[in-house]
Amino acid sequence: MVKKVLDTRDKKIKVNLDKLLNKREKAMKAGETANSDLLGILMESNFREIQEHQNNKNIGMSVKDVIEECKLFYLASQETTSVLLVWTMVLLSEHPNWQARAREEVLQVFGNKKPEADGLNHLKIVTMIFHEVLTLYPLVEMLARAIYKDTQVGDMCFPAGVQVVLPTILVHHDHEIWGDDAKEFNPERFAEGVLKVTKNQVSFFPFGWGPRVCIGQNFAMMEAKIALAMILHHFSFELSPSYAHAPFSILTMQPQYGAHLILRGLQC
């Protein structure tokens, strides 16, 4: 079932991206200025590289390569950040005291102004909340890593060619690591930072770990903080009676039946 959904989704994404790329490519060949978004910059750079090395077919990215990059942009940025925000709003709806504390902090830091980069570093409560959400609902439930050469890790030997799967969600929910309330919403556990609560163990890795840690980790957190700060500033929210809690993994951890929320505008 999951494979069928993924295949259908992948085909739709490829068709839509192919149409978009063809349109952009025709515009560039006609001498029109490329859009100043990430895709436009990528295509313009690639087009210029190919033009400068016309005799070398190994230079430049194919349409297929560009499509894969676009899928990565979407999965590694928009979808992961949006899923983080969805679970955050669900949990803050279930725990209105934390929603109120987060809103109070946002108003103290930014007042009636739009969120700006320097102020984001002062959102301690918001950061604690995001860390707790990523503990309870990691963006991906497991990480897979390929072994390219025989590797010794402690008493374990991993031969080349095997894959190691790290069960993020099991580690994040481990009572021996996080305590008896491992599966309960308790942002206070992060009051003194990640290293303190994990006791310097690699037991919190929502964005991976080590040299393969997600390159967009800091950007994703900044983006999520800005979005949540703006939502908290303008709205209060609660779960709709129609909401059905059903975490479901399909590339990312999502609410299977959607997140039905009721938003009410605030007079700020």
Protein backbone atom coordinates (compact mmCIF):
# COMPACT_ATOMS: atom_id res chain seq x y z
CA MET A 1 0.00 0.00 0.00
CA VAL A 2 2.72 2.45 1.04
CA LYS A 3 4.81 1.58 -2.05
CA LYS A 4 1.82 2.19 -4.33
CA VAL A 5 1.18 5.61 -2.76
CA LEU A 6 4.85 6.54 -3.06
CA ASP A 7 5.04 5.44 -6.72
CA THR A 8 1.92 7.43 -7.64
CA ARG A 9 3.20 10.47 -5.78
CA ASP A 10 6.62 10.20 -7.43
CA LYS A 11 5.10 10.04 -10.92
CA LYS A 12 2.96 13.12 -10.30
CA ILE A 13 5.94 15.06 -8.99
CA LYS A 14 8.08 14.11 -12.00
CA VAL A 15 5.36 15.09 -14.50
CA ASN A 16 4.79 18.48 -12.86
CA LEU A 17 8.49 19.21 -12.51
CA ASP A 18 9.16 18.19 -16.12
CA LYS A 19 6.55 20.71 -17.33
CA LEU A 20 8.00 23.43 -15.12
CA LEU A 21 11.58 22.76 -16.25
CA ASN A 22 10.63 22.76 -19.94
CA LYS A 23 8.90 26.11 -19.53
CA ARG A 24 11.88 27.62 -17.69
CA GLU A 25 14.36 26.17 -20.21
CA LYS A 26 12.49 27.63 -23.20
CA ALA A 27 12.41 31.01 -21.49
CA MET A 28 16.18 30.95 -20.88
CA LYS A 29 16.96 29.91 -24.45
CA ALA A 30 14.78 32.80 -25.62
CA GLY A 31 17.00 35.15 -23.65
CA GLU A 32 14.57 35.85 -20.81
CA THR A 33 16.01 36.48 -17.34
CA ALA A 34 15.72 33.46 -15.05
CA ASN A 35 13.55 33.72 -11.95
CA SER A 36 15.53 34.65 -8.86
CA ASP A 37 14.31 31.63 -6.88
CA LEU A 38 16.43 28.59 -6.04
CA LEU A 39 15.34 26.65 -9.12
CA GLY A 40 16.05 29.63 -11.38
CA ILE A 41 19.56 30.04 -9.95
CA LEU A 42 20.26 26.31 -10.37
CA MET A 43 19.01 26.19 -13.97
CA GLU A 44 20.77 29.39 -15.00
CA SER A 45 24.08 28.17 -13.55
CA ASN A 46 23.68 24.77 -15.19
CA PHE A 47 22.70 26.32 -18.56
CA ARG A 48 25.74 28.61 -18.49
CA GLU A 49 28.05 25.72 -17.57
CA ILE A 50 26.77 23.61 -20.48
CA GLN A 51 27.13 26.52 -22.92
CA GLU A 52 30.73 27.10 -21.88
CA HIS A 53 31.67 23.41 -22.32
CA GLN A 54 29.65 22.38 -25.35
CA ASN A 55 32.25 19.81 -26.42
CA ASN A 56 32.19 17.99 -23.09
CA LYS A 57 29.01 15.98 -22.58
CA ASN A 58 30.02 15.15 -19.01
CA ILE A 59 29.63 18.76 -17.93
CA GLY A 60 26.33 19.94 -16.55
CA MET A 61 23.23 18.33 -15.10
CA SER A 62 20.63 16.43 -17.07
CA VAL A 63 16.91 17.14 -16.76
CA LYS A 64 16.65 14.04 -14.61
CA ASP A 65 19.38 15.38 -12.31
CA VAL A 66 17.60 18.72 -11.94
CA ILE A 67 14.30 16.95 -11.15
CA GLU A 68 16.01 14.94 -8.41
CA GLU A 69 17.49 18.14 -6.99
CA CYS A 70 14.02 19.74 -6.97
CA LYS A 71 12.59 16.73 -5.14
CA LEU A 72 15.38 17.06 -2.60
CA PHE A 73 14.69 20.80 -2.15
CA TYR A 74 11.06 20.00 -1.42
CA LEU A 75 11.54 16.97 0.81
CA ALA A 76 14.48 18.37 2.75
CA SER A 77 12.99 21.80 3.34
CA GLN A 78 9.34 22.50 2.72
CA GLU A 79 7.85 19.14 3.66
CA THR A 80 10.00 18.52 6.73
CA THR A 81 9.47 22.04 8.08
CA SER A 82 5.73 21.93 7.43
CA VAL A 83 5.43 18.54 9.16
CA LEU A 84 7.34 19.89 12.17
CA LEU A 85 4.95 22.86 12.35
CA VAL A 86 1.89 20.62 12.06
CA TRP A 87 2.91 18.39 14.98
CA THR A 88 3.90 21.46 16.99
CA MET A 89 0.46 23.00 16.53
CA VAL A 90 -1.22 19.70 17.38
CA LEU A 91 0.74 19.38 20.63
CA LEU A 92 0.30 23.04 21.56
CA SER A 93 -3.43 22.58 21.00
CA GLU A 94 -3.39 19.68 23.44
CA HIS A 95 -1.28 21.69 25.92
CA PRO A 96 -2.67 25.26 25.90
CA ASN A 97 -0.45 26.26 28.84
CA TRP A 98 2.64 25.77 26.66
CA GLN A 99 0.93 27.57 23.78
CA ALA A 100 0.35 30.54 26.10
CA ARG A 101 3.96 30.48 27.34
CA ALA A 102 5.30 30.37 23.78
CA ARG A 103 3.03 33.26 22.72
CA GLU A 104 4.09 35.35 25.71
CA GLU A 105 7.75 34.80 24.82
CA VAL A 106 7.18 35.75 21.17
CA LEU A 107 5.44 38.99 22.20
CA GLN A 108 8.21 39.80 24.69
CA VAL A 109 10.93 39.31 22.07
CA PHE A 110 9.27 40.84 19.00
CA GLY A 111 6.34 42.88 20.29
CA ASN A 112 4.20 43.87 17.30
CA LYS A 113 7.14 43.70 14.89
CA LYS A 114 7.78 40.94 12.36
CA PRO A 115 10.20 38.21 13.55
CA GLU A 116 13.81 38.91 12.63
CA ALA A 117 16.91 36.71 12.73
CA ASP A 118 18.62 38.17 15.81
CA GLY A 119 15.53 37.79 17.97
CA LEU A 120 15.10 34.11 17.08
CA ASN A 121 18.07 33.24 19.29
CA HIS A 122 16.13 34.55 22.30
CA LEU A 123 13.17 32.19 21.80
CA LYS A 124 14.19 29.70 24.48
CA ILE A 125 10.70 28.31 25.17
CA VAL A 126 9.93 27.95 21.45
CA THR A 127 13.23 26.10 20.98
CA MET A 128 12.41 23.76 23.88
CA ILE A 129 9.02 23.04 22.33
CA PHE A 130 10.50 22.24 18.92
CA HIS A 131 13.07 19.90 20.45
CA GLU A 132 10.33 18.08 22.35
CA VAL A 133 8.18 17.78 19.22
CA LEU A 134 11.15 16.33 17.32
CA THR A 135 11.63 13.84 20.14
CA LEU A 136 8.03 12.63 20.10
CA TYR A 137 7.50 12.89 16.34
CA PRO A 138 10.88 12.75 14.55
CA LEU A 139 10.64 13.87 10.93
CA VAL A 140 11.73 10.42 9.74
CA GLU A 141 11.27 7.32 11.86
CA MET A 142 14.59 5.78 10.87
CA LEU A 143 17.88 6.64 9.19
CA ALA A 144 19.68 4.24 6.85
CA ARG A 145 23.43 4.34 6.26
CA ALA A 146 25.43 2.26 3.77
CA ILE A 147 28.77 0.75 4.79
CA TYR A 148 31.37 1.14 2.03
CA LYS A 149 34.32 -0.48 3.78
CA ASP A 150 34.76 -2.84 6.72
CA THR A 151 34.12 -0.76 9.82
CA GLN A 152 34.71 -1.47 13.49
CA VAL A 153 32.48 0.33 16.02
CA GLY A 154 33.23 -0.76 19.56
CA ASP A 155 32.72 -4.53 19.70
CA MET A 156 30.74 -4.60 16.45
CA CYS A 157 32.16 -5.22 13.00
CA PHE A 158 30.20 -4.05 9.95
CA PRO A 159 31.33 -5.56 6.63
CA ALA A 160 31.31 -3.49 3.46
CA GLY A 161 28.07 -3.64 1.50
CA VAL A 162 25.61 -3.80 4.38
CA GLN A 163 23.13 -1.13 5.48
CA VAL A 164 22.74 0.02 9.06
CA VAL A 165 19.32 1.31 10.07
CA LEU A 166 19.06 3.66 13.04
CA PRO A 167 15.53 3.58 14.51
CA THR A 168 15.18 7.25 15.41
CA ILE A 169 11.72 6.94 16.90
CA LEU A 170 12.68 3.99 19.13
CA VAL A 171 15.72 5.81 20.49
CA HIS A 172 13.73 9.00 21.05
CA HIS A 173 11.07 7.04 22.97
CA ASP A 174 13.47 4.93 25.04
CA HIS A 175 12.50 5.12 28.74
CA GLU A 176 16.03 4.21 29.85
CA ILE A 177 17.37 7.32 28.11
CA TRP A 178 14.55 9.83 28.53
CA GLY A 179 12.84 8.61 31.72
CA ASP A 180 9.33 7.37 32.49
CA ASP A 181 7.74 10.33 30.68
CA ALA A 182 9.59 9.60 27.42
CA LYS A 183 6.35 9.55 25.41
CA GLU A 184 4.76 12.52 27.17
CA PHE A 185 4.93 16.16 26.05
CA ASN A 186 7.40 17.78 28.42
CA PRO A 187 9.49 20.58 26.82
CA GLU A 188 10.90 21.38 30.25
CA ARG A 189 13.32 18.47 29.83
CA PHE A 190 15.22 20.66 27.32
CA ALA A 191 15.43 23.65 29.67
CA GLU A 192 19.22 23.25 29.97
CA GLY A 193 19.85 22.24 26.38
CA VAL A 194 20.14 19.05 24.36
CA LEU A 195 23.52 17.95 25.73
CA LYS A 196 22.27 18.11 29.31
CA VAL A 197 19.19 15.99 28.77
CA THR A 198 20.97 13.41 26.60
CA LYS A 199 23.99 13.28 28.92
CA ASN A 200 26.27 13.74 25.90
CA GLN A 201 24.94 10.55 24.28
CA VAL A 202 23.87 10.38 20.65
CA SER A 203 20.26 9.82 21.61
CA PHE A 204 18.65 12.85 19.92
CA PHE A 205 19.23 13.00 16.17
CA PRO A 206 16.15 14.28 14.31
CA PHE A 207 18.43 15.69 11.59
CA GLY A 208 20.96 12.87 11.60
CA TRP A 209 24.39 13.05 13.20
CA GLY A 210 28.09 13.36 12.45
CA PRO A 211 29.51 14.27 9.02
CA ARG A 212 26.19 13.34 7.35
CA VAL A 213 24.04 15.59 9.53
CA CYS A 214 21.42 17.52 7.54
CA ILE A 215 23.06 20.57 5.97
CA GLY A 216 19.80 22.48 6.27
CA GLN A 217 19.25 21.86 9.98
CA ASN A 218 19.84 25.44 11.13
CA PHE A 219 17.84 26.90 8.25
CA ALA A 220 14.91 24.55 8.93
CA MET A 221 14.81 25.52 12.60
CA MET A 222 15.02 29.23 11.76
CA GLU A 223 12.23 28.87 9.21
CA ALA A 224 10.04 26.97 11.68
CA LYS A 225 10.62 29.55 14.44
CA ILE A 226 9.63 32.42 12.16
CA ALA A 227 6.48 30.63 11.03
CA LEU A 228 5.42 29.63 14.54
CA ALA A 229 6.14 33.10 15.92
CA MET A 230 3.87 34.66 13.29
CA ILE A 231 1.12 32.09 13.92
CA LEU A 232 1.26 32.60 17.71
CA HIS A 233 1.20 36.36 17.25
CA HIS A 234 -2.00 36.35 15.20
CA PHE A 235 -3.91 33.23 16.28
CA SER A 236 -4.83 30.94 19.12
CA PHE A 237 -5.63 27.40 18.06
CA GLU A 238 -7.15 24.18 19.31
CA LEU A 239 -7.93 20.72 17.97
CA SER A 240 -11.16 20.25 16.09
CA PRO A 241 -13.53 17.52 17.39
CA SER A 242 -13.01 15.83 14.01
CA TYR A 243 -9.27 15.37 14.62
CA ALA A 244 -8.18 11.72 14.75
CA HIS A 245 -4.70 11.10 16.14
CA ALA A 246 -2.93 8.67 13.80
CA PRO A 247 0.81 9.25 13.20
CA PHE A 248 1.72 7.68 9.87
CA SER A 249 5.12 7.34 8.22
CA ILE A 250 5.27 8.03 4.47
CA LEU A 251 8.79 9.38 3.92
CA THR A 252 8.08 11.76 6.81
CA MET A 253 6.02 11.27 9.98
CA GLN A 254 2.60 12.76 9.23
CA PRO A 255 -0.91 12.76 10.70
CA GLN A 256 -2.62 10.13 8.53
CA TYR A 257 -6.02 11.86 8.49
CA GLY A 258 -4.73 15.41 8.53
CA ALA A 259 -4.52 17.89 11.40
CA HIS A 260 -7.93 19.50 11.85
CA LEU A 261 -7.38 22.68 13.85
CA ILE A 262 -9.60 25.60 14.82
CA LEU A 263 -7.83 28.97 14.61
CA ARG A 264 -9.11 32.13 16.25
CA GLY A 265 -7.75 35.56 15.41
CA LEU A 266 -6.15 37.57 18.20
CA GLN A 267 -6.36 41.31 18.73
CA CYS A 268 -2.64 42.16 18.85
